[in-house]
Protein backbone atom coordinates (compact mmCIF):
# COMPACT_ATOMS: atom_id res chain seq x y z
CA UNK A 1 -55.07 -50.54 5.01
CA UNK A 2 -58.48 -51.77 5.61
CA UNK A 3 -61.96 -50.25 5.66
CA UNK A 4 -65.09 -51.46 7.24
CA UNK A 5 -67.29 -53.70 5.66
CA UNK A 6 -70.10 -50.95 4.75
CA UNK A 7 -67.80 -48.42 3.32
CA UNK A 8 -66.79 -50.71 0.32
CA UNK A 9 -69.94 -49.21 -1.38
CA UNK A 10 -69.82 -45.59 -0.05
CA UNK A 11 -68.84 -42.91 -2.56
CA UNK A 12 -69.17 -39.69 -0.49
CA UNK A 13 -67.40 -36.23 -0.93
CA UNK A 14 -65.35 -34.99 1.53
CA UNK A 15 -65.03 -31.29 1.09
CA UNK A 16 -61.71 -29.67 2.37
CA UNK A 17 -60.88 -26.36 3.68
CA UNK A 18 -59.16 -23.47 1.63
CA UNK A 19 -56.00 -22.77 3.77
CA UNK A 20 -52.53 -23.46 2.14
CA UNK A 21 -50.68 -26.28 3.10
CA UNK A 22 -47.51 -25.75 5.43
CA UNK A 23 -44.46 -27.19 4.64
CA UNK A 24 -45.65 -28.89 1.51
CA UNK A 25 -45.26 -29.21 -2.27
CA UNK A 26 -48.43 -30.21 -3.71
CA UNK A 27 -49.02 -31.63 -7.03
CA UNK A 28 -52.18 -31.61 -9.04
CA UNK A 29 -52.92 -34.90 -10.89
CA UNK A 30 -49.50 -36.07 -10.61
CA UNK A 31 -50.41 -39.55 -10.88
CA UNK A 32 -51.07 -41.38 -14.34
CA UNK A 33 -53.32 -44.40 -14.51
CA UNK A 34 -51.65 -47.48 -15.74
CA UNK A 35 -53.81 -50.54 -15.79
CA UNK A 36 -56.31 -52.46 -13.97
CA UNK A 37 -57.46 -56.11 -12.99
CA UNK A 38 -59.53 -58.20 -10.86
CA UNK A 39 -63.05 -56.98 -11.85
CA UNK A 40 -64.11 -60.33 -13.28
CA UNK A 41 -63.60 -62.21 -9.82
CA UNK A 42 -64.14 -59.24 -7.17
CA UNK A 43 -67.53 -59.01 -5.67
CA UNK A 44 -67.73 -56.63 -3.00
CA UNK A 45 -64.05 -56.15 -2.03
CA UNK A 46 -63.26 -55.22 1.70
CA UNK A 47 -59.35 -55.28 2.12
CA UNK A 48 -56.43 -56.12 0.78
CA UNK A 49 -52.84 -56.97 1.49
CA UNK A 50 -49.50 -56.99 0.13
CA UNK A 51 -46.69 -58.99 1.41
CA UNK A 52 -44.02 -56.46 0.50
CA UNK A 53 -42.78 -58.42 -2.36
CA UNK A 54 -44.75 -59.53 -5.38
CA UNK A 55 -48.13 -60.94 -4.16
CA UNK A 56 -51.52 -59.13 -3.52
CA UNK A 57 -54.45 -60.65 -1.73
CA UNK A 58 -57.72 -59.23 -1.74
CA UNK A 59 -61.10 -60.72 -0.18
CA UNK A 60 -64.82 -59.98 -0.73
CA UNK A 61 -67.85 -59.84 1.50
CA UNK A 62 -69.26 -63.05 1.95
CA UNK A 63 -66.65 -65.01 0.21
CA UNK A 64 -65.25 -67.74 2.21
CA UNK A 65 -61.70 -67.44 0.24
CA UNK A 66 -59.20 -64.83 -0.52
CA UNK A 67 -57.60 -64.23 -4.05
CA UNK A 68 -53.76 -63.89 -4.53
CA UNK A 69 -52.52 -61.73 -7.58
CA UNK A 70 -49.18 -60.98 -8.87
CA UNK A 71 -48.55 -57.12 -9.77
CA UNK A 72 -49.67 -57.22 -12.95
CA UNK A 73 -52.80 -59.00 -12.11
CA UNK A 74 -52.60 -62.61 -12.76
CA UNK A 75 -54.25 -64.89 -10.35
CA UNK A 76 -51.79 -66.69 -8.62
CA UNK A 77 -53.79 -68.68 -5.99
CA UNK A 78 -57.08 -68.86 -3.98
CA UNK A 79 -57.00 -69.62 -0.26
CA UNK A 80 -59.92 -70.83 2.17
CA UNK A 81 -62.55 -73.12 1.71
CA UNK A 82 -66.36 -72.87 3.02
CA UNK A 83 -67.38 -74.36 6.10
CA UNK A 84 -67.30 -74.86 9.75
CA UNK A 85 -64.49 -77.42 10.22
CA UNK A 86 -60.83 -76.92 10.91
CA UNK A 87 -59.15 -74.23 8.31
CA UNK A 88 -62.80 -73.48 6.64
CA UNK A 89 -64.14 -69.79 6.63
CA UNK A 90 -67.58 -68.66 6.45
CA UNK A 91 -66.68 -65.14 5.70
CA UNK A 92 -63.34 -63.57 5.06
CA UNK A 93 -63.86 -60.31 6.66
CA UNK A 94 -60.01 -58.79 6.89
CA UNK A 95 -56.52 -59.99 5.85
CA UNK A 96 -52.96 -59.31 6.39
CA UNK A 97 -49.80 -61.29 5.04
CA UNK A 98 -46.25 -61.59 5.29
CA UNK A 99 -43.57 -63.61 3.20
CA UNK A 100 -44.36 -66.86 4.82
CA UNK A 101 -48.32 -66.88 5.64
CA UNK A 102 -51.69 -65.14 4.79
CA UNK A 103 -54.00 -64.44 8.01
CA UNK A 104 -57.77 -64.30 7.52
CA UNK A 105 -59.87 -63.05 9.73
CA UNK A 106 -63.51 -64.87 9.94
CA UNK A 107 -66.02 -62.83 11.88
CA UNK A 108 -68.62 -65.47 11.95
CA UNK A 109 -66.33 -67.79 13.83
CA UNK A 110 -64.32 -65.38 15.72
CA UNK A 111 -60.97 -66.53 14.53
CA UNK A 112 -57.97 -65.84 12.51
CA UNK A 113 -56.66 -68.35 10.04
CA UNK A 114 -53.14 -68.31 9.02
CA UNK A 115 -52.44 -70.21 6.02
CA UNK A 116 -48.98 -71.29 5.26
CA UNK A 117 -47.97 -69.96 1.50
CA UNK A 118 -45.37 -72.83 1.31
CA UNK A 119 -47.65 -75.85 1.68
CA UNK A 120 -51.21 -76.64 2.55
CA UNK A 121 -50.79 -76.31 6.38
CA UNK A 122 -52.92 -73.62 8.59
CA UNK A 123 -53.12 -72.95 12.11
CA UNK A 124 -56.16 -70.83 14.09
CA UNK A 125 -55.87 -68.34 16.35
CA UNK A 126 -58.97 -67.84 18.47
CA UNK A 127 -59.91 -64.55 19.24
CA UNK A 128 -63.45 -64.96 20.52
CA UNK A 129 -64.45 -61.38 19.71
CA UNK A 130 -65.40 -59.44 16.86
CA UNK A 131 -62.09 -57.46 15.52
CA UNK A 132 -62.91 -54.48 12.82
CA UNK A 133 -58.94 -54.48 11.79
CA UNK A 134 -55.92 -56.07 12.54
CA UNK A 135 -52.08 -56.17 11.31
CA UNK A 136 -49.60 -58.90 11.48
CA UNK A 137 -45.70 -58.00 12.37
CA UNK A 138 -43.19 -60.53 13.41
CA UNK A 139 -45.66 -63.15 13.86
CA UNK A 140 -47.48 -60.93 16.26
CA UNK A 141 -51.24 -59.87 15.54
CA UNK A 142 -52.01 -56.36 16.47
CA UNK A 143 -55.61 -55.93 16.78
CA UNK A 144 -57.82 -52.71 17.14
CA UNK A 145 -60.04 -53.34 20.03
CA UNK A 146 -63.81 -53.42 18.92
CA UNK A 147 -65.02 -51.98 22.20
CA UNK A 148 -65.02 -48.36 20.66
CA UNK A 149 -67.89 -49.45 18.12
CA UNK A 150 -70.24 -50.25 20.41
CA UNK A 151 -69.91 -47.68 23.53
CA UNK A 152 -68.84 -44.63 24.59
CA UNK A 153 -65.87 -45.08 26.69
CA UNK A 154 -63.89 -43.22 29.52
CA UNK A 155 -60.14 -42.68 28.44
CA UNK A 156 -59.25 -45.43 30.96
CA UNK A 157 -61.77 -48.22 30.34
CA UNK A 158 -59.96 -50.12 27.42
CA UNK A 159 -56.88 -49.61 25.08
CA UNK A 160 -56.94 -49.13 21.38
CA UNK A 161 -54.44 -51.98 20.43
CA UNK A 162 -54.32 -55.47 21.81
CA UNK A 163 -50.77 -57.77 20.57
CA UNK A 164 -52.16 -61.21 20.58
CA UNK A 165 -49.50 -64.17 19.78
CA UNK A 166 -50.01 -67.41 17.84
CA UNK A 167 -51.92 -69.01 20.62
CA UNK A 168 -54.24 -66.64 21.04
CA UNK A 169 -53.16 -65.07 24.20
CA UNK A 170 -53.21 -61.11 24.79
CA UNK A 171 -49.84 -60.40 25.58
CA UNK A 172 -49.77 -56.48 25.43
CA UNK A 173 -52.55 -53.51 25.36
CA UNK A 174 -51.80 -49.81 24.63
CA UNK A 175 -53.19 -46.48 23.35
CA UNK A 176 -56.01 -44.29 24.35
CA UNK A 177 -59.08 -43.71 22.57
CA UNK A 178 -59.76 -40.57 20.71
CA UNK A 179 -61.84 -39.05 23.57
CA UNK A 180 -60.69 -35.26 23.42
CA UNK A 181 -64.48 -34.01 23.13
CA UNK A 182 -67.27 -34.81 25.18
CA UNK A 183 -70.01 -36.89 24.14
CA UNK A 184 -68.09 -38.67 21.26
CA UNK A 185 -70.19 -40.94 19.51
CA UNK A 186 -69.81 -44.61 19.48
CA UNK A 187 -67.59 -45.89 16.58
CA UNK A 188 -65.61 -42.24 16.48
CA UNK A 189 -62.38 -43.95 17.52
CA UNK A 190 -62.17 -46.31 14.36
CA UNK A 191 -58.76 -46.10 13.05
CA UNK A 192 -56.20 -47.30 10.51
CA UNK A 193 -53.04 -49.17 11.49
CA UNK A 194 -49.83 -49.90 9.73
CA UNK A 195 -46.40 -51.27 11.42
CA UNK A 196 -43.29 -50.17 9.71
CA UNK A 197 -39.65 -50.42 10.93
CA UNK A 198 -40.88 -51.33 14.65
CA UNK A 199 -42.97 -48.47 14.86
CA UNK A 200 -47.04 -48.73 14.89
CA UNK A 201 -48.65 -45.68 13.33
CA UNK A 202 -52.28 -45.16 13.50
CA UNK A 203 -54.94 -42.41 12.05
CA UNK A 204 -58.19 -41.97 13.29
CA UNK A 205 -60.57 -41.97 10.63
CA UNK A 206 -63.24 -39.53 11.47
CA UNK A 207 -60.68 -36.98 12.66
CA UNK A 208 -56.93 -35.66 11.62
CA UNK A 209 -55.40 -37.17 14.11
CA UNK A 210 -52.11 -39.09 13.81
CA UNK A 211 -50.13 -41.33 16.34
CA UNK A 212 -47.06 -43.13 16.60
CA UNK A 213 -46.07 -45.84 18.91
CA UNK A 214 -43.16 -47.96 19.30
CA UNK A 215 -44.25 -51.87 19.76
CA UNK A 216 -43.87 -51.77 23.51
CA UNK A 217 -46.60 -49.28 23.34
CA UNK A 218 -44.54 -45.86 24.47
CA UNK A 219 -46.49 -42.96 22.44
CA UNK A 220 -43.85 -41.55 20.29
CA UNK A 221 -45.93 -38.72 18.80
CA UNK A 222 -49.45 -37.24 18.03
CA UNK A 223 -50.46 -34.77 15.77
CA UNK A 224 -53.16 -32.98 14.57
CA UNK A 225 -52.84 -33.13 10.47
CA UNK A 226 -55.02 -30.42 9.96
CA UNK A 227 -51.85 -28.30 11.21
CA UNK A 228 -49.53 -29.50 8.55
CA UNK A 229 -51.79 -29.90 5.48
CA UNK A 230 -54.89 -28.46 4.10
CA UNK A 231 -57.33 -31.35 5.69
CA UNK A 232 -60.32 -29.53 7.49
CA UNK A 233 -59.39 -28.76 10.68
CA UNK A 234 -61.34 -30.46 13.89
CA UNK A 235 -64.35 -28.42 14.85
CA UNK A 236 -63.69 -26.99 18.20
CA UNK A 237 -67.56 -26.20 18.60
CA UNK A 238 -68.32 -29.83 18.57
CA UNK A 239 -71.98 -30.95 18.01
CA UNK A 240 -72.79 -34.33 19.23
CA UNK A 241 -75.92 -34.58 16.92
CA UNK A 242 -74.27 -33.69 13.93
CA UNK A 243 -71.27 -36.06 14.25
CA UNK A 244 -73.75 -38.94 15.29
CA UNK A 245 -74.93 -38.46 11.86
CA UNK A 246 -71.67 -38.67 10.06
CA UNK A 247 -70.76 -41.71 12.13
CA UNK A 248 -73.96 -43.35 10.67
CA UNK A 249 -73.21 -42.22 7.21
CA UNK A 250 -69.34 -43.13 7.03
CA UNK A 251 -68.14 -39.75 6.64
CA UNK A 252 -64.76 -40.14 7.17
CA UNK A 253 -61.66 -37.97 6.98
CA UNK A 254 -59.52 -40.68 6.01
CA UNK A 255 -59.97 -44.03 3.85
CA UNK A 256 -56.80 -45.97 4.38
CA UNK A 257 -53.07 -45.96 4.94
CA UNK A 258 -50.10 -47.33 3.90
CA UNK A 259 -46.57 -47.14 5.60
CA UNK A 260 -43.03 -47.96 3.17
CA UNK A 261 -39.94 -47.52 4.81
CA UNK A 262 -41.01 -44.24 6.90
CA UNK A 263 -43.00 -42.91 4.20
CA UNK A 264 -46.51 -42.37 5.47
CA UNK A 265 -49.30 -42.36 2.73
CA UNK A 266 -52.57 -41.58 4.04
CA UNK A 267 -55.72 -41.53 1.35
CA UNK A 268 -58.31 -38.78 2.10
CA UNK A 269 -62.11 -39.30 1.97
CA UNK A 270 -62.80 -37.30 -1.51
CA UNK A 271 -64.16 -37.52 -4.66
CA UNK A 272 -60.96 -38.05 -6.62
CA UNK A 273 -58.04 -39.88 -5.49
CA UNK A 274 -55.82 -37.75 -3.03
CA UNK A 275 -52.99 -39.29 -1.03
CA UNK A 276 -51.06 -37.39 1.21
CA UNK A 277 -47.39 -38.46 1.55
CA UNK A 278 -45.44 -37.75 5.08
CA UNK A 279 -42.04 -38.55 6.14
CA UNK A 280 -41.74 -39.98 9.33
CA UNK A 281 -38.27 -39.25 10.88
CA UNK A 282 -36.74 -38.52 14.60
CA UNK A 283 -40.32 -39.32 15.94
CA UNK A 284 -41.80 -36.53 13.80
CA UNK A 285 -44.08 -36.57 11.05
CA UNK A 286 -43.99 -33.89 8.12
CA UNK A 287 -45.73 -33.49 4.99
CA UNK A 288 -43.91 -33.78 1.83
CA UNK A 289 -46.87 -33.82 -1.20
CA UNK A 290 -49.90 -34.50 -2.20
CA UNK A 291 -50.39 -36.97 -5.00
CA UNK A 292 -53.78 -36.94 -7.08
CA UNK A 293 -55.73 -38.40 -9.75
CA UNK A 294 -58.88 -36.84 -10.97
CA UNK A 295 -61.03 -37.61 -13.94
CA UNK A 296 -62.06 -34.63 -16.54
CA UNK A 297 -65.58 -36.00 -16.05
CA UNK A 298 -66.91 -34.08 -12.61
CA UNK A 299 -69.65 -36.88 -11.98
CA UNK A 300 -66.90 -39.64 -11.82
CA UNK A 301 -66.28 -40.67 -8.48
CA UNK A 302 -63.11 -42.85 -6.84
CA UNK A 303 -64.48 -45.19 -4.31
CA UNK A 304 -61.26 -46.02 -2.68
CA UNK A 305 -61.35 -49.05 -0.60
CA UNK A 306 -57.96 -49.52 0.34
CA UNK A 307 -54.35 -49.02 -1.31
CA UNK A 308 -50.51 -49.94 -0.93
CA UNK A 309 -47.77 -48.09 -2.30
CA UNK A 310 -45.18 -50.27 -4.28
CA UNK A 311 -41.90 -48.42 -3.86
CA UNK A 312 -39.96 -50.33 -6.82
CA UNK A 313 -42.47 -48.98 -9.68
CA UNK A 314 -43.30 -45.79 -7.61
CA UNK A 315 -46.86 -46.76 -7.89
CA UNK A 316 -49.97 -46.93 -5.86
CA UNK A 317 -52.35 -49.94 -6.10
CA UNK A 318 -55.77 -48.60 -5.43
CA UNK A 319 -58.62 -51.11 -4.53
CA UNK A 320 -61.74 -48.75 -5.70
CA UNK A 321 -65.34 -48.94 -6.58
CA UNK A 322 -65.55 -46.90 -9.89
CA UNK A 323 -68.43 -47.91 -10.58
CA UNK A 324 -67.64 -51.31 -10.33
CA UNK A 325 -65.14 -53.09 -7.93
CA UNK A 326 -61.33 -53.26 -9.59
CA UNK A 327 -57.72 -52.91 -8.61
CA UNK A 328 -56.33 -50.01 -10.28
CA UNK A 329 -52.49 -48.90 -10.52
CA UNK A 330 -51.43 -45.43 -10.65
CA UNK A 331 -47.95 -44.21 -11.27
CA UNK A 332 -46.14 -41.02 -9.64
CA UNK A 333 -45.23 -38.80 -12.19
CA UNK A 334 -41.38 -38.56 -10.94
CA UNK A 335 -38.50 -38.27 -13.35
CA UNK A 336 -36.02 -39.46 -10.33
CA UNK A 337 -37.87 -42.77 -10.48
CA UNK A 338 -38.44 -44.00 -14.20
CA UNK A 339 -39.09 -47.81 -13.37
CA UNK A 340 -42.55 -48.91 -14.53
CA UNK A 341 -44.28 -52.01 -14.49
CA UNK A 342 -44.34 -53.87 -17.48
CA UNK A 343 -48.00 -54.64 -18.28
CA UNK A 344 -48.38 -56.53 -21.77
CA UNK A 345 -51.93 -54.59 -21.75
CA UNK A 346 -50.61 -51.36 -22.31
């Protein structure tokens, strides 16, 4: 669900094609704003993590700690302290969480620190390399390999995903880079990863390509999402110089992804908040609907940094910059799920 550091400030518009979606039931502005929080402590947020229960964790560029919020925006805790000693951070870059622990990657010291949420204990997982994204599942760390950010690769030169145990040892690697066009510029394999029900889902940020793997590394499916949604189709007349400019400018197709009980939510790179909902079933992906929230003010842009879907309230929690950093809650207007978060400020 995370986004690169520099993209926290980008509010570029991504224009889509005009073709009608296939197998979809689109809704225009079917999201309603509920409330927001965090603006008093969020500096330049880069990622969030949800423990699947009731706690939200958010970090910011340069901060040596991570804030924990409840679903109504109350600050519950603060993890980390500045320094180079055991359990200390110079800068929390990316985070992941489960019900027992909070995992913080410190890119300055090249390690992941796991803080226990039950006591004050911690342990360090030394990774000895820059990692741009990771996900924790069943006490294993699934790391997006950083090599694609620094070099053009042959398809056999490295794997996309490395699995690291709590000692820091790589126990498996899998996944081919997105290299289906020649001359693909550096960084174009950047992706978002989520794990749900023992399936690893990934979507490439620069191209509408989706993949699903089982946790042994077997590829279950690969899809061009432009074939089943109205996202712009991959340009077959690939122009390396043009895409180099796009890569430098952060001109993404997608911003972030979340997966909850086989429902795959992918947030597009657009002026409005636009989240496509897919169903993953029998190793296949089908578009269910598109959720959108837009403003009457055309000059207003929603710079989505990260998000997650909260199933109980049928809402999206969206970390955005509009124009300042804030966590906003948008409820899906669906009569089948009337639950609503009880925000006393409403």
